[in-house]
Structures are given as C-alpha cells and as structure tokens.
C-alpha cells in the first residue's frame, strides 16, 4: 500500500511560481513512476509531468519549458516546480505513483492562478 500527501498549492498571480511536493509512504522504489496530474473544472484529468525509472522525465506540451519535475528517492518525494504560471494552469493537482499495474493517488492540492 502507498500513501501520498501533497502540499504547496495556493493562489498565485499570472507569471508567478509555485512548488508542489508529494511525500510517499509505503513501498515505493526508484523504478516506480511518480508524477503529477491535474484536473480543471469540467475537464478530464490530464498528465502534467512524470519521472520514470532512471530519471527520465516526460511533460505535457502545455507545460514544457515552464514546469520542472524532480524526485528525491531517498525521501520518496516528488516535486513540481511551476514557473510562469498562467490562468489556464488553474486546477486540482494530484500526485501519482504507478507501481506495476496499480495506480495510487494523493488527495489533491488546489492551484489557482488569478490576478
């Protein structure tokens, strides 16, 4: 079993920055995929960024060049540094761990980009 706890969401003005953190407890190995998804009102949940085994990263086109995902395997923690935020980045952000065939989700943290 894996438990995920996110933190770092909030309200920020357009062009601002936020850093999300997700701490995983339970059995998580460095080969498990860890990532961030988001869901805006009335839209489907979408992948934002993920880090695969070996440190390979993958980003949605909409966030490339603005967001950076990183991972601390010693702390079982994944981070999402979000810069140059736009109003369209407003959503609930969810941490995800893919362990084999099993998906684990955090409770979500709200990110609101507004002036």
C-alpha atoms as a PDB file:
ATOM      1  CA  UNK A   1       0.000   0.000   0.000  1.00  0.00           C
ATOM      2  CA  UNK A   2       1.189   3.513  -0.829  1.00  0.00           C
ATOM      3  CA  UNK A   3       0.000   6.759   0.735  1.00  0.00           C
ATOM      4  CA  UNK A   4       0.646  10.110  -0.909  1.00  0.00           C
ATOM      5  CA  UNK A   5       0.468  13.519   0.743  1.00  0.00           C
ATOM      6  CA  UNK A   6       0.683  16.651  -1.388  1.00  0.00           C
ATOM      7  CA  UNK A   7       1.485  20.180  -0.306  1.00  0.00           C
ATOM      8  CA  UNK A   8       2.355  23.539  -1.825  1.00  0.00           C
ATOM      9  CA  UNK A   9      -0.771  24.592  -3.670  1.00  0.00           C
ATOM     10  CA  UNK A  10      -2.320  28.017  -3.369  1.00  0.00           C
ATOM     11  CA  UNK A  11      -3.258  31.240  -5.095  1.00  0.00           C
ATOM     12  CA  UNK A  12      -0.704  32.954  -7.310  1.00  0.00           C
ATOM     13  CA  UNK A  13      -0.775  35.756  -9.834  1.00  0.00           C
ATOM     14  CA  UNK A  14      -0.138  35.101 -13.530  1.00  0.00           C
ATOM     15  CA  UNK A  15       3.585  34.859 -14.162  1.00  0.00           C
ATOM     16  CA  UNK A  16       4.233  33.662 -10.637  1.00  0.00           C
ATOM     17  CA  UNK A  17       5.689  30.430  -9.331  1.00  0.00           C
ATOM     18  CA  UNK A  18       4.697  27.615  -7.015  1.00  0.00           C
ATOM     19  CA  UNK A  19       6.381  24.423  -5.903  1.00  0.00           C
ATOM     20  CA  UNK A  20       4.361  21.317  -5.183  1.00  0.00           C
ATOM     21  CA  UNK A  21       5.653  18.468  -3.055  1.00  0.00           C
ATOM     22  CA  UNK A  22       4.397  14.921  -2.681  1.00  0.00           C
ATOM     23  CA  UNK A  23       5.686  12.609   0.017  1.00  0.00           C
ATOM     24  CA  UNK A  24       5.076   8.905  -0.461  1.00  0.00           C
ATOM     25  CA  UNK A  25       4.926   6.409   2.361  1.00  0.00           C
ATOM     26  CA  UNK A  26       4.798   2.674   1.990  1.00  0.00           C
ATOM     27  CA  UNK A  27       6.681   0.567  -0.502  1.00  0.00           C
ATOM     28  CA  UNK A  28       7.905   2.832  -3.305  1.00  0.00           C
ATOM     29  CA  UNK A  29      11.022   2.010  -5.277  1.00  0.00           C
ATOM     30  CA  UNK A  30      13.106   4.187  -7.555  1.00  0.00           C
ATOM     31  CA  UNK A  31      11.795   2.221 -10.530  1.00  0.00           C
ATOM     32  CA  UNK A  32       8.173   3.170  -9.868  1.00  0.00           C
ATOM     33  CA  UNK A  33       6.828   6.022 -11.972  1.00  0.00           C
ATOM     34  CA  UNK A  34       5.977   9.146  -9.966  1.00  0.00           C
ATOM     35  CA  UNK A  35       4.186  12.091 -11.441  1.00  0.00           C
ATOM     36  CA  UNK A  36       1.674  14.891 -11.345  1.00  0.00           C
ATOM     37  CA  UNK A  37      -1.731  15.109 -12.955  1.00  0.00           C
ATOM     38  CA  UNK A  38      -4.277  17.895 -12.883  1.00  0.00           C
ATOM     39  CA  UNK A  39      -7.997  18.308 -13.317  1.00  0.00           C
ATOM     40  CA  UNK A  40      -9.710  21.589 -14.067  1.00  0.00           C
ATOM     41  CA  UNK A  41     -13.463  22.066 -13.557  1.00  0.00           C
ATOM     42  CA  UNK A  42     -15.419  20.356 -16.307  1.00  0.00           C
ATOM     43  CA  UNK A  43     -12.326  18.738 -17.811  1.00  0.00           C
ATOM     44  CA  UNK A  44     -10.735  15.321 -17.690  1.00  0.00           C
ATOM     45  CA  UNK A  45      -7.718  14.615 -15.558  1.00  0.00           C
ATOM     46  CA  UNK A  46      -4.527  15.034 -17.581  1.00  0.00           C
ATOM     47  CA  UNK A  47      -0.890  14.160 -17.116  1.00  0.00           C
ATOM     48  CA  UNK A  48       1.285  17.168 -16.337  1.00  0.00           C
ATOM     49  CA  UNK A  49       4.689  15.631 -15.734  1.00  0.00           C
ATOM     50  CA  UNK A  50       6.155  12.327 -14.656  1.00  0.00           C
ATOM     51  CA  UNK A  51       9.530  10.874 -13.865  1.00  0.00           C
ATOM     52  CA  UNK A  52      10.203   7.346 -14.981  1.00  0.00           C
ATOM     53  CA  UNK A  53      12.711   4.814 -13.732  1.00  0.00           C
ATOM     54  CA  UNK A  54      16.243   6.032 -14.406  1.00  0.00           C
ATOM     55  CA  UNK A  55      15.194   9.661 -14.048  1.00  0.00           C
ATOM     56  CA  UNK A  56      13.689  10.076 -17.494  1.00  0.00           C
ATOM     57  CA  UNK A  57      11.111  12.877 -17.479  1.00  0.00           C
ATOM     58  CA  UNK A  58       8.012  13.399 -19.550  1.00  0.00           C
ATOM     59  CA  UNK A  59       5.932  16.583 -19.791  1.00  0.00           C
ATOM     60  CA  UNK A  60       2.670  17.695 -21.283  1.00  0.00           C
ATOM     61  CA  UNK A  61       3.266  20.058 -24.200  1.00  0.00           C
ATOM     62  CA  UNK A  62       1.360  22.796 -22.404  1.00  0.00           C
ATOM     63  CA  UNK A  63       3.887  22.953 -19.551  1.00  0.00           C
ATOM     64  CA  UNK A  64       7.179  22.267 -21.310  1.00  0.00           C
ATOM     65  CA  UNK A  65       9.730  24.935 -20.532  1.00  0.00           C
ATOM     66  CA  UNK A  66       7.728  26.218 -17.566  1.00  0.00           C
ATOM     67  CA  UNK A  67       7.403  23.235 -15.189  1.00  0.00           C
ATOM     68  CA  UNK A  68      10.147  21.007 -13.850  1.00  0.00           C
ATOM     69  CA  UNK A  69       9.605  17.681 -12.127  1.00  0.00           C
ATOM     70  CA  UNK A  70      12.212  16.232  -9.818  1.00  0.00           C
ATOM     71  CA  UNK A  71      12.464  13.325  -7.470  1.00  0.00           C
ATOM     72  CA  UNK A  72      14.312  12.553  -4.250  1.00  0.00           C
ATOM     73  CA  UNK A  73      14.418   8.783  -3.985  1.00  0.00           C
ATOM     74  CA  UNK A  74      15.955   8.876  -0.500  1.00  0.00           C
ATOM     75  CA  UNK A  75      12.891  10.756   0.754  1.00  0.00           C
ATOM     76  CA  UNK A  76      10.352   9.109  -1.587  1.00  0.00           C
ATOM     77  CA  UNK A  77       9.317  12.602  -2.581  1.00  0.00           C
ATOM     78  CA  UNK A  78       8.474  14.120  -5.936  1.00  0.00           C
ATOM     79  CA  UNK A  79       8.395  17.846  -6.636  1.00  0.00           C
ATOM     80  CA  UNK A  80       6.842  20.017  -9.301  1.00  0.00           C
ATOM     81  CA  UNK A  81       8.364  23.450  -9.785  1.00  0.00           C
ATOM     82  CA  UNK A  82       5.896  25.590 -11.692  1.00  0.00           C
ATOM     83  CA  UNK A  83       7.091  28.872 -13.199  1.00  0.00           C
ATOM     84  CA  UNK A  84       5.445  31.422 -15.492  1.00  0.00           C
ATOM     85  CA  UNK A  85       2.048  30.242 -14.331  1.00  0.00           C
ATOM     86  CA  UNK A  86      -0.978  31.020 -16.475  1.00  0.00           C
ATOM     87  CA  UNK A  87      -4.682  31.175 -15.595  1.00  0.00           C
ATOM     88  CA  UNK A  88      -5.186  28.005 -17.626  1.00  0.00           C
ATOM     89  CA  UNK A  89      -2.935  26.171 -15.166  1.00  0.00           C
ATOM     90  CA  UNK A  90      -5.683  26.526 -12.557  1.00  0.00           C
ATOM     91  CA  UNK A  91      -6.710  23.047 -11.440  1.00  0.00           C
ATOM     92  CA  UNK A  92      -6.529  20.496  -8.679  1.00  0.00           C
ATOM     93  CA  UNK A  93      -3.128  18.849  -8.902  1.00  0.00           C
ATOM     94  CA  UNK A  94      -2.793  15.185  -7.969  1.00  0.00           C
ATOM     95  CA  UNK A  95       0.315  13.230  -7.160  1.00  0.00           C
ATOM     96  CA  UNK A  96       0.502   9.764  -8.699  1.00  0.00           C
ATOM     97  CA  UNK A  97       2.574   6.650  -8.238  1.00  0.00           C
ATOM     98  CA  UNK A  98       2.387   3.843 -10.763  1.00  0.00           C
ATOM     99  CA  UNK A  99       3.601   0.648  -9.172  1.00  0.00           C
ATOM    100  CA  UNK A 100       3.355  -2.247 -11.563  1.00  0.00           C
ATOM    101  CA  UNK A 101      -0.252  -2.118 -12.698  1.00  0.00           C
ATOM    102  CA  UNK A 102      -1.521  -0.284  -9.646  1.00  0.00           C
ATOM    103  CA  UNK A 103      -2.136   3.467  -9.584  1.00  0.00           C
ATOM    104  CA  UNK A 104      -2.021   5.388  -6.310  1.00  0.00           C
ATOM    105  CA  UNK A 105      -3.329   8.940  -5.946  1.00  0.00           C
ATOM    106  CA  UNK A 106      -2.968  11.742  -3.452  1.00  0.00           C
ATOM    107  CA  UNK A 107      -5.898  13.770  -2.206  1.00  0.00           C
ATOM    108  CA  UNK A 108      -5.099  16.686  -4.495  1.00  0.00           C
ATOM    109  CA  UNK A 109      -3.998  20.266  -3.924  1.00  0.00           C
ATOM    110  CA  UNK A 110      -5.656  23.322  -5.453  1.00  0.00           C
ATOM    111  CA  UNK A 111      -3.622  25.651  -7.638  1.00  0.00           C
ATOM    112  CA  UNK A 112      -5.331  28.885  -8.647  1.00  0.00           C
ATOM    113  CA  UNK A 113      -3.694  31.371 -10.998  1.00  0.00           C
ATOM    114  CA  UNK A 114      -5.544  34.660 -10.949  1.00  0.00           C
ATOM    115  CA  UNK A 115      -4.961  38.375 -10.636  1.00  0.00           C
END
